Amino acid sequence: MQMWGVGLHEKNDVGAAQTLAMLADPAGADNAVAQYMYGVVLDAARGVERNEAEASRMFELSSEKHHATATYNLGVMLRRGRASVAKDKRRSIQLYAAAARQGVCDAQFHLGVMLVNGDAGAEDAGYPGSEGMEISLGVQLYREAAEQFLSDALQGLGFLYVVGKGVEKNVVEARRLFLLACNQPHSLAAHRLAAIHEGLLGDSHRWQDSREALRLYRYSHSLNACPVPSNTGLHRFLSTV
């Protein structure tokens, strides 16, 4: 769920929520930005009681005015479903696609993941006549999100280069992308970069360096990352630190 532009402070939450409610009121100012922000406030229970149904209604109103992040947030709610918001996978995909076309990097990435993994069809994702091309379309969305330096997209695209899904295998490009994500930081990117340096990931031993692998595994672990796999020579050492 995106919360861009919502900078409430705890002591001012109630007053800010009341102001947003007034600006968001469709019978009043009917302001798209306020509707988006009030939707976030309602969903996060900031200064008001949590009300997911009303939050989704606010996102819907804002989305109708072409607010890109509200469109994405509504898609997230419908994708997962909530106690008071019915799950609607097909519409959520359509909303992700609309937000992706407006440049929302999280929407680009998550829609890309769905296309690559076969969880979304080309038509629902806004590509009529492109059935059977879901993986290549998904890779393009990964790229668009990675160009905005979204760390998940950089890491995900890097892994596609490791396994050769939708792209030719290229451990050099994978390593470059993992480095970019790792520097943000990104725990899984650091973990996979460590695996490259240990010679476990990819087919190149060009960067094999056990000291660098150890440093990256420890860094990844410090970011609450994946455990070091038990088949690595570093696993026993790290389990004692």
C-alpha atoms as a PDB file:
ATOM      1  CA  MET A   1       0.000   0.000   0.000  1.00  0.00           C
ATOM      2  CA  GLN A   2       1.473   3.337  -1.034  1.00  0.00           C
ATOM      3  CA  MET A   3       1.410   6.219   1.474  1.00  0.00           C
ATOM      4  CA  TRP A   4       3.140   8.926  -0.561  1.00  0.00           C
ATOM      5  CA  GLY A   5       2.257  12.411   0.590  1.00  0.00           C
ATOM      6  CA  VAL A   6       0.793  11.319   3.924  1.00  0.00           C
ATOM      7  CA  GLY A   7       2.976  12.930   6.584  1.00  0.00           C
ATOM      8  CA  LEU A   8       0.787  12.912   9.673  1.00  0.00           C
ATOM      9  CA  HIS A   9       2.313  13.225  13.139  1.00  0.00           C
ATOM     10  CA  GLU A  10       0.722  11.373  16.027  1.00  0.00           C
ATOM     11  CA  LYS A  11      -0.395  14.392  18.071  1.00  0.00           C
ATOM     12  CA  ASN A  12      -1.991  15.992  15.012  1.00  0.00           C
ATOM     13  CA  ASP A  13      -3.581  12.862  13.512  1.00  0.00           C
ATOM     14  CA  VAL A  14      -7.153  13.585  14.604  1.00  0.00           C
ATOM     15  CA  GLY A  15      -7.217  17.159  13.341  1.00  0.00           C
ATOM     16  CA  ALA A  16      -5.502  16.217  10.095  1.00  0.00           C
ATOM     17  CA  ALA A  17      -7.953  13.352   9.517  1.00  0.00           C
ATOM     18  CA  GLN A  18     -10.897  15.714  10.062  1.00  0.00           C
ATOM     19  CA  THR A  19      -9.456  18.178   7.545  1.00  0.00           C
ATOM     20  CA  LEU A  20      -8.885  15.436   4.995  1.00  0.00           C
ATOM     21  CA  ALA A  21     -12.432  14.138   5.496  1.00  0.00           C
ATOM     22  CA  MET A  22     -13.802  17.594   4.753  1.00  0.00           C
ATOM     23  CA  LEU A  23     -11.657  18.034   1.623  1.00  0.00           C
ATOM     24  CA  ALA A  24     -12.433  14.493   0.443  1.00  0.00           C
ATOM     25  CA  ASP A  25     -16.202  14.804   0.808  1.00  0.00           C
ATOM     26  CA  PRO A  26     -17.706  14.276  -2.677  1.00  0.00           C
ATOM     27  CA  ALA A  27     -20.502  16.671  -1.717  1.00  0.00           C
ATOM     28  CA  GLY A  28     -17.914  19.301  -0.821  1.00  0.00           C
ATOM     29  CA  ALA A  29     -14.422  19.932  -2.178  1.00  0.00           C
ATOM     30  CA  ASP A  30     -14.311  16.454  -3.771  1.00  0.00           C
ATOM     31  CA  ASN A  31     -10.513  16.695  -3.953  1.00  0.00           C
ATOM     32  CA  ALA A  32      -8.731  13.671  -5.486  1.00  0.00           C
ATOM     33  CA  VAL A  33      -5.521  14.068  -3.455  1.00  0.00           C
ATOM     34  CA  ALA A  34      -7.474  14.439  -0.206  1.00  0.00           C
ATOM     35  CA  GLN A  35      -9.551  11.376  -1.076  1.00  0.00           C
ATOM     36  CA  TYR A  36      -6.380   9.357  -1.635  1.00  0.00           C
ATOM     37  CA  MET A  37      -4.808  10.602   1.607  1.00  0.00           C
ATOM     38  CA  TYR A  38      -7.990  10.083   3.609  1.00  0.00           C
ATOM     39  CA  GLY A  39      -8.194   6.548   2.220  1.00  0.00           C
ATOM     40  CA  VAL A  40      -4.677   5.879   3.544  1.00  0.00           C
ATOM     41  CA  VAL A  41      -5.608   7.387   6.928  1.00  0.00           C
ATOM     42  CA  LEU A  42      -8.725   5.219   7.176  1.00  0.00           C
ATOM     43  CA  ASP A  43      -6.853   2.075   6.186  1.00  0.00           C
ATOM     44  CA  ALA A  44      -4.010   2.742   8.632  1.00  0.00           C
ATOM     45  CA  ALA A  45      -6.256   3.989  11.477  1.00  0.00           C
ATOM     46  CA  ARG A  46      -4.390   7.291  11.805  1.00  0.00           C
ATOM     47  CA  GLY A  47      -6.552   9.643  13.856  1.00  0.00           C
ATOM     48  CA  VAL A  48      -9.712   7.672  13.012  1.00  0.00           C
ATOM     49  CA  GLU A  49     -10.995   4.141  13.512  1.00  0.00           C
ATOM     50  CA  ARG A  50      -9.931   1.755  10.772  1.00  0.00           C
ATOM     51  CA  ASN A  51     -12.607   1.544   8.098  1.00  0.00           C
ATOM     52  CA  GLU A  52     -11.480  -0.521   5.131  1.00  0.00           C
ATOM     53  CA  ALA A  53     -14.762  -0.220   3.258  1.00  0.00           C
ATOM     54  CA  GLU A  54     -14.648   3.574   3.438  1.00  0.00           C
ATOM     55  CA  ALA A  55     -10.949   3.551   2.571  1.00  0.00           C
ATOM     56  CA  SER A  56     -11.672   1.576  -0.596  1.00  0.00           C
ATOM     57  CA  ARG A  57     -14.485   4.020  -1.441  1.00  0.00           C
ATOM     58  CA  MET A  58     -12.089   6.944  -1.060  1.00  0.00           C
ATOM     59  CA  PHE A  59      -9.505   5.249  -3.281  1.00  0.00           C
ATOM     60  CA  GLU A  60     -12.254   4.565  -5.820  1.00  0.00           C
ATOM     61  CA  LEU A  61     -13.333   8.217  -5.875  1.00  0.00           C
ATOM     62  CA  SER A  62      -9.741   9.380  -6.237  1.00  0.00           C
ATOM     63  CA  SER A  63      -9.002   6.769  -8.897  1.00  0.00           C
ATOM     64  CA  GLU A  64     -11.960   7.980 -10.948  1.00  0.00           C
ATOM     65  CA  LYS A  65     -10.127  11.324 -11.087  1.00  0.00           C
ATOM     66  CA  HIS A  66      -7.014   9.519 -12.390  1.00  0.00           C
ATOM     67  CA  HIS A  67      -4.986   9.636  -9.174  1.00  0.00           C
ATOM     68  CA  ALA A  68      -2.400   6.966  -9.989  1.00  0.00           C
ATOM     69  CA  THR A  69      -1.414   5.927  -6.469  1.00  0.00           C
ATOM     70  CA  ALA A  70      -5.042   5.691  -5.347  1.00  0.00           C
ATOM     71  CA  THR A  71      -5.649   3.411  -8.326  1.00  0.00           C
ATOM     72  CA  TYR A  72      -2.764   1.196  -7.243  1.00  0.00           C
ATOM     73  CA  ASN A  73      -3.896   1.143  -3.596  1.00  0.00           C
ATOM     74  CA  LEU A  74      -7.405   0.128  -4.625  1.00  0.00           C
ATOM     75  CA  GLY A  75      -5.876  -2.647  -6.711  1.00  0.00           C
ATOM     76  CA  VAL A  76      -3.907  -3.857  -3.675  1.00  0.00           C
ATOM     77  CA  MET A  77      -7.047  -3.977  -1.550  1.00  0.00           C
ATOM     78  CA  LEU A  78      -9.003  -5.900  -4.182  1.00  0.00           C
ATOM     79  CA  ARG A  79      -6.106  -8.244  -4.897  1.00  0.00           C
ATOM     80  CA  ARG A  80      -5.845  -9.373  -1.279  1.00  0.00           C
ATOM     81  CA  GLY A  81      -9.426  -8.849  -0.165  1.00  0.00           C
ATOM     82  CA  ARG A  82     -10.314  -7.568   3.271  1.00  0.00           C
ATOM     83  CA  ALA A  83     -12.958  -8.409   5.852  1.00  0.00           C
ATOM     84  CA  SER A  84     -15.168  -5.660   4.459  1.00  0.00           C
ATOM     85  CA  VAL A  85     -13.768  -5.508   0.904  1.00  0.00           C
ATOM     86  CA  ALA A  86     -14.501  -8.401  -1.443  1.00  0.00           C
ATOM     87  CA  LYS A  87     -11.575  -9.922  -3.325  1.00  0.00           C
ATOM     88  CA  ASP A  88     -11.687  -9.245  -7.067  1.00  0.00           C
ATOM     89  CA  LYS A  89      -8.569 -10.544  -8.797  1.00  0.00           C
ATOM     90  CA  ARG A  90      -9.506  -9.535 -12.334  1.00  0.00           C
ATOM     91  CA  ARG A  91     -10.342  -5.946 -11.444  1.00  0.00           C
ATOM     92  CA  SER A  92      -7.243  -5.667  -9.270  1.00  0.00           C
ATOM     93  CA  ILE A  93      -5.105  -6.629 -12.274  1.00  0.00           C
ATOM     94  CA  GLN A  94      -6.861  -3.996 -14.386  1.00  0.00           C
ATOM     95  CA  LEU A  95      -6.195  -1.382 -11.694  1.00  0.00           C
ATOM     96  CA  TYR A  96      -2.533  -2.378 -11.444  1.00  0.00           C
ATOM     97  CA  ALA A  97      -2.327  -2.005 -15.221  1.00  0.00           C
ATOM     98  CA  ALA A  98      -3.917   1.459 -15.128  1.00  0.00           C
ATOM     99  CA  ALA A  99      -1.521   2.594 -12.381  1.00  0.00           C
ATOM    100  CA  ALA A 100       1.445   1.041 -14.218  1.00  0.00           C
ATOM    101  CA  ARG A 101       0.616   3.044 -17.358  1.00  0.00           C
ATOM    102  CA  GLN A 102       0.690   6.167 -15.169  1.00  0.00           C
ATOM    103  CA  GLY A 103       4.199   5.302 -14.016  1.00  0.00           C
ATOM    104  CA  VAL A 104       3.607   3.885 -10.521  1.00  0.00           C
ATOM    105  CA  CYS A 105       6.700   1.705 -10.126  1.00  0.00           C
ATOM    106  CA  ASP A 106       5.180  -0.624  -7.521  1.00  0.00           C
ATOM    107  CA  ALA A 107       2.282  -1.304  -9.876  1.00  0.00           C
ATOM    108  CA  GLN A 108       4.698  -1.942 -12.738  1.00  0.00           C
ATOM    109  CA  PHE A 109       6.713  -4.388 -10.666  1.00  0.00           C
ATOM    110  CA  HIS A 110       3.821  -6.334  -9.144  1.00  0.00           C
ATOM    111  CA  LEU A 111       1.969  -6.560 -12.456  1.00  0.00           C
ATOM    112  CA  GLY A 112       5.227  -7.734 -14.032  1.00  0.00           C
ATOM    113  CA  VAL A 113       5.548 -10.457 -11.398  1.00  0.00           C
ATOM    114  CA  MET A 114       1.986 -11.620 -12.066  1.00  0.00           C
ATOM    115  CA  LEU A 115       2.570 -11.764 -15.818  1.00  0.00           C
ATOM    116  CA  VAL A 116       5.897 -13.596 -15.519  1.00  0.00           C
ATOM    117  CA  ASN A 117       4.465 -16.098 -13.029  1.00  0.00           C
ATOM    118  CA  GLY A 118       1.306 -16.744 -15.035  1.00  0.00           C
ATOM    119  CA  ASP A 119      -1.019 -15.114 -12.491  1.00  0.00           C
ATOM    120  CA  ALA A 120      -2.322 -12.523 -14.971  1.00  0.00           C
ATOM    121  CA  GLY A 121      -3.297 -12.686 -18.619  1.00  0.00           C
ATOM    122  CA  ALA A 122      -2.249 -10.158 -21.236  1.00  0.00           C
ATOM    123  CA  GLU A 123      -5.783  -8.922 -21.938  1.00  0.00           C
ATOM    124  CA  ASP A 124      -6.649  -8.178 -18.285  1.00  0.00           C
ATOM    125  CA  ALA A 125      -3.251  -6.498 -17.927  1.00  0.00           C
ATOM    126  CA  GLY A 126      -4.122  -4.059 -20.711  1.00  0.00           C
ATOM    127  CA  TYR A 127      -2.437  -5.800 -23.650  1.00  0.00           C
ATOM    128  CA  PRO A 128      -5.257  -7.116 -25.875  1.00  0.00           C
ATOM    129  CA  GLY A 129      -4.053  -9.298 -28.709  1.00  0.00           C
ATOM    130  CA  SER A 130      -0.838 -10.176 -26.861  1.00  0.00           C
ATOM    131  CA  GLU A 131      -1.886 -13.537 -25.447  1.00  0.00           C
ATOM    132  CA  GLY A 132       1.086 -15.856 -25.121  1.00  0.00           C
ATOM    133  CA  MET A 133       3.481 -12.935 -24.646  1.00  0.00           C
ATOM    134  CA  GLU A 134       2.906 -12.536 -20.903  1.00  0.00           C
ATOM    135  CA  ILE A 135       6.498 -13.259 -19.874  1.00  0.00           C
ATOM    136  CA  SER A 136       8.051 -10.742 -22.263  1.00  0.00           C
ATOM    137  CA  LEU A 137       5.455  -8.145 -21.249  1.00  0.00           C
ATOM    138  CA  GLY A 138       6.198  -8.840 -17.605  1.00  0.00           C
ATOM    139  CA  VAL A 139       9.941  -8.432 -18.144  1.00  0.00           C
ATOM    140  CA  GLN A 140       9.308  -5.050 -19.770  1.00  0.00           C
ATOM    141  CA  LEU A 141       7.357  -3.958 -16.688  1.00  0.00           C
ATOM    142  CA  TYR A 142      10.213  -5.145 -14.455  1.00  0.00           C
ATOM    143  CA  ARG A 143      12.502  -2.933 -16.557  1.00  0.00           C
ATOM    144  CA  GLU A 144      10.229   0.105 -16.283  1.00  0.00           C
ATOM    145  CA  ALA A 145      10.125  -0.243 -12.490  1.00  0.00           C
ATOM    146  CA  ALA A 146      13.877  -0.894 -12.319  1.00  0.00           C
ATOM    147  CA  GLU A 147      14.504   2.286 -14.326  1.00  0.00           C
ATOM    148  CA  GLN A 148      12.883   4.119 -11.405  1.00  0.00           C
ATOM    149  CA  PHE A 149      15.333   2.275  -9.101  1.00  0.00           C
ATOM    150  CA  LEU A 150      12.659   0.295  -7.279  1.00  0.00           C
ATOM    151  CA  SER A 151      14.818  -2.124  -5.290  1.00  0.00           C
ATOM    152  CA  ASP A 152      12.405  -5.075  -5.579  1.00  0.00           C
ATOM    153  CA  ALA A 153      12.350  -4.646  -9.358  1.00  0.00           C
ATOM    154  CA  LEU A 154      16.140  -4.413  -9.591  1.00  0.00           C
ATOM    155  CA  GLN A 155      16.505  -7.577  -7.528  1.00  0.00           C
ATOM    156  CA  GLY A 156      13.721  -9.398  -9.391  1.00  0.00           C
ATOM    157  CA  LEU A 157      15.057  -8.483 -12.824  1.00  0.00           C
ATOM    158  CA  GLY A 158      18.503  -9.583 -11.707  1.00  0.00           C
ATOM    159  CA  PHE A 159      17.152 -12.992 -10.776  1.00  0.00           C
ATOM    160  CA  LEU A 160      15.446 -13.316 -14.168  1.00  0.00           C
ATOM    161  CA  TYR A 161      18.893 -12.830 -15.715  1.00  0.00           C
ATOM    162  CA  VAL A 162      20.295 -15.556 -13.457  1.00  0.00           C
ATOM    163  CA  VAL A 163      17.679 -18.148 -14.434  1.00  0.00           C
ATOM    164  CA  GLY A 164      17.150 -16.938 -18.000  1.00  0.00           C
ATOM    165  CA  LYS A 165      13.395 -16.421 -17.758  1.00  0.00           C
ATOM    166  CA  GLY A 166      12.181 -14.016 -20.448  1.00  0.00           C
ATOM    167  CA  VAL A 167      15.785 -12.901 -21.035  1.00  0.00           C
ATOM    168  CA  GLU A 168      19.057 -14.580 -21.948  1.00  0.00           C
ATOM    169  CA  LYS A 169      21.086 -15.726 -18.953  1.00  0.00           C
ATOM    170  CA  ASN A 170      23.577 -13.018 -18.065  1.00  0.00           C
ATOM    171  CA  VAL A 171      25.286 -13.178 -14.681  1.00  0.00           C
ATOM    172  CA  VAL A 172      27.145  -9.929 -15.422  1.00  0.00           C
ATOM    173  CA  GLU A 173      23.869  -8.010 -15.746  1.00  0.00           C
ATOM    174  CA  ALA A 174      22.390  -9.902 -12.807  1.00  0.00           C
ATOM    175  CA  ARG A 175      25.298  -8.856 -10.605  1.00  0.00           C
ATOM    176  CA  ARG A 176      24.972  -5.221 -11.714  1.00  0.00           C
ATOM    177  CA  LEU A 177      21.276  -5.185 -10.823  1.00  0.00           C
ATOM    178  CA  PHE A 178      21.832  -6.946  -7.488  1.00  0.00           C
ATOM    179  CA  LEU A 179      24.470  -4.334  -6.632  1.00  0.00           C
ATOM    180  CA  LEU A 180      22.086  -1.467  -7.396  1.00  0.00           C
ATOM    181  CA  ALA A 181      19.371  -3.042  -5.239  1.00  0.00           C
ATOM    182  CA  CYS A 182      21.814  -4.011  -2.483  1.00  0.00           C
ATOM    183  CA  ASN A 183      22.977  -0.418  -2.138  1.00  0.00           C
ATOM    184  CA  GLN A 184      19.446   0.815  -1.290  1.00  0.00           C
ATOM    185  CA  PRO A 185      19.663  -1.591   0.758  1.00  0.00           C
ATOM    186  CA  HIS A 186      17.842  -4.826  -0.176  1.00  0.00           C
ATOM    187  CA  SER A 187      18.402  -7.971   1.872  1.00  0.00           C
ATOM    188  CA  LEU A 188      17.558 -10.576  -0.776  1.00  0.00           C
ATOM    189  CA  ALA A 189      19.708  -8.783  -3.371  1.00  0.00           C
ATOM    190  CA  ALA A 190      22.629  -8.859  -0.915  1.00  0.00           C
ATOM    191  CA  HIS A 191      21.990 -12.551  -0.285  1.00  0.00           C
ATOM    192  CA  ARG A 192      21.973 -13.386  -3.992  1.00  0.00           C
ATOM    193  CA  LEU A 193      25.022 -11.231  -4.626  1.00  0.00           C
ATOM    194  CA  ALA A 194      26.789 -13.219  -1.907  1.00  0.00           C
ATOM    195  CA  ALA A 195      25.799 -16.438  -3.671  1.00  0.00           C
ATOM    196  CA  ILE A 196      27.372 -15.135  -6.884  1.00  0.00           C
ATOM    197  CA  HIS A 197      30.608 -14.416  -5.022  1.00  0.00           C
ATOM    198  CA  GLU A 198      30.520 -17.906  -3.533  1.00  0.00           C
ATOM    199  CA  GLY A 199      30.069 -19.416  -6.986  1.00  0.00           C
ATOM    200  CA  LEU A 200      26.618 -20.838  -6.191  1.00  0.00           C
ATOM    201  CA  LEU A 201      24.520 -18.603  -8.419  1.00  0.00           C
ATOM    202  CA  GLY A 202      25.041 -18.146 -12.121  1.00  0.00           C
ATOM    203  CA  ASP A 203      27.574 -19.914 -14.301  1.00  0.00           C
ATOM    204  CA  SER A 204      30.493 -17.519 -13.902  1.00  0.00           C
ATOM    205  CA  HIS A 205      33.340 -17.843 -11.388  1.00  0.00           C
ATOM    206  CA  ARG A 206      34.709 -14.457 -12.361  1.00  0.00           C
ATOM    207  CA  TRP A 207      33.746 -12.892  -9.030  1.00  0.00           C
ATOM    208  CA  GLN A 208      34.308 -15.887  -6.768  1.00  0.00           C
ATOM    209  CA  ASP A 209      35.573 -14.416  -3.511  1.00  0.00           C
ATOM    210  CA  SER A 210      34.761 -16.119  -0.214  1.00  0.00           C
ATOM    211  CA  ARG A 211      35.628 -13.040   1.854  1.00  0.00           C
ATOM    212  CA  GLU A 212      33.234 -10.847  -0.117  1.00  0.00           C
ATOM    213  CA  ALA A 213      30.602 -13.579   0.026  1.00  0.00           C
ATOM    214  CA  LEU A 214      30.944 -13.707   3.817  1.00  0.00           C
ATOM    215  CA  ARG A 215      30.667  -9.927   4.094  1.00  0.00           C
ATOM    216  CA  LEU A 216      27.514  -9.910   1.980  1.00  0.00           C
ATOM    217  CA  TYR A 217      25.917 -12.844   3.813  1.00  0.00           C
ATOM    218  CA  ARG A 218      26.502 -11.077   7.112  1.00  0.00           C
ATOM    219  CA  TYR A 219      25.163  -7.811   5.700  1.00  0.00           C
ATOM    220  CA  SER A 220      22.112  -9.605   4.331  1.00  0.00           C
ATOM    221  CA  HIS A 221      21.558 -11.289   7.700  1.00  0.00           C
ATOM    222  CA  SER A 222      21.806  -7.905   9.458  1.00  0.00           C
ATOM    223  CA  LEU A 223      18.943  -6.638   7.284  1.00  0.00           C
ATOM    224  CA  ASN A 224      16.692  -9.420   8.558  1.00  0.00           C
ATOM    225  CA  ALA A 225      17.239 -11.377   5.395  1.00  0.00           C
ATOM    226  CA  CYS A 226      17.109 -14.982   4.366  1.00  0.00           C
ATOM    227  CA  PRO A 227      19.139 -17.465   6.354  1.00  0.00           C
ATOM    228  CA  VAL A 228      22.384 -18.574   4.764  1.00  0.00           C
ATOM    229  CA  PRO A 229      21.679 -21.861   2.933  1.00  0.00           C
ATOM    230  CA  SER A 230      23.024 -24.890   4.764  1.00  0.00           C
ATOM    231  CA  ASN A 231      24.982 -26.106   1.732  1.00  0.00           C
ATOM    232  CA  THR A 232      27.384 -23.146   1.879  1.00  0.00           C
ATOM    233  CA  GLY A 233      30.747 -23.224   3.555  1.00  0.00           C
ATOM    234  CA  LEU A 234      29.779 -20.044   5.422  1.00  0.00           C
ATOM    235  CA  HIS A 235      26.666 -21.418   7.066  1.00  0.00           C
ATOM    236  CA  ARG A 236      28.337 -22.914  10.140  1.00  0.00           C
ATOM    237  CA  PHE A 237      30.453 -19.828  10.742  1.00  0.00           C
ATOM    238  CA  LEU A 238      27.514 -17.443  10.460  1.00  0.00           C
ATOM    239  CA  SER A 239      25.375 -19.530  12.777  1.00  0.00           C
ATOM    240  CA  THR A 240      27.837 -18.741  15.566  1.00  0.00           C
ATOM    241  CA  VAL A 241      28.042 -14.963  15.105  1.00  0.00           C
END
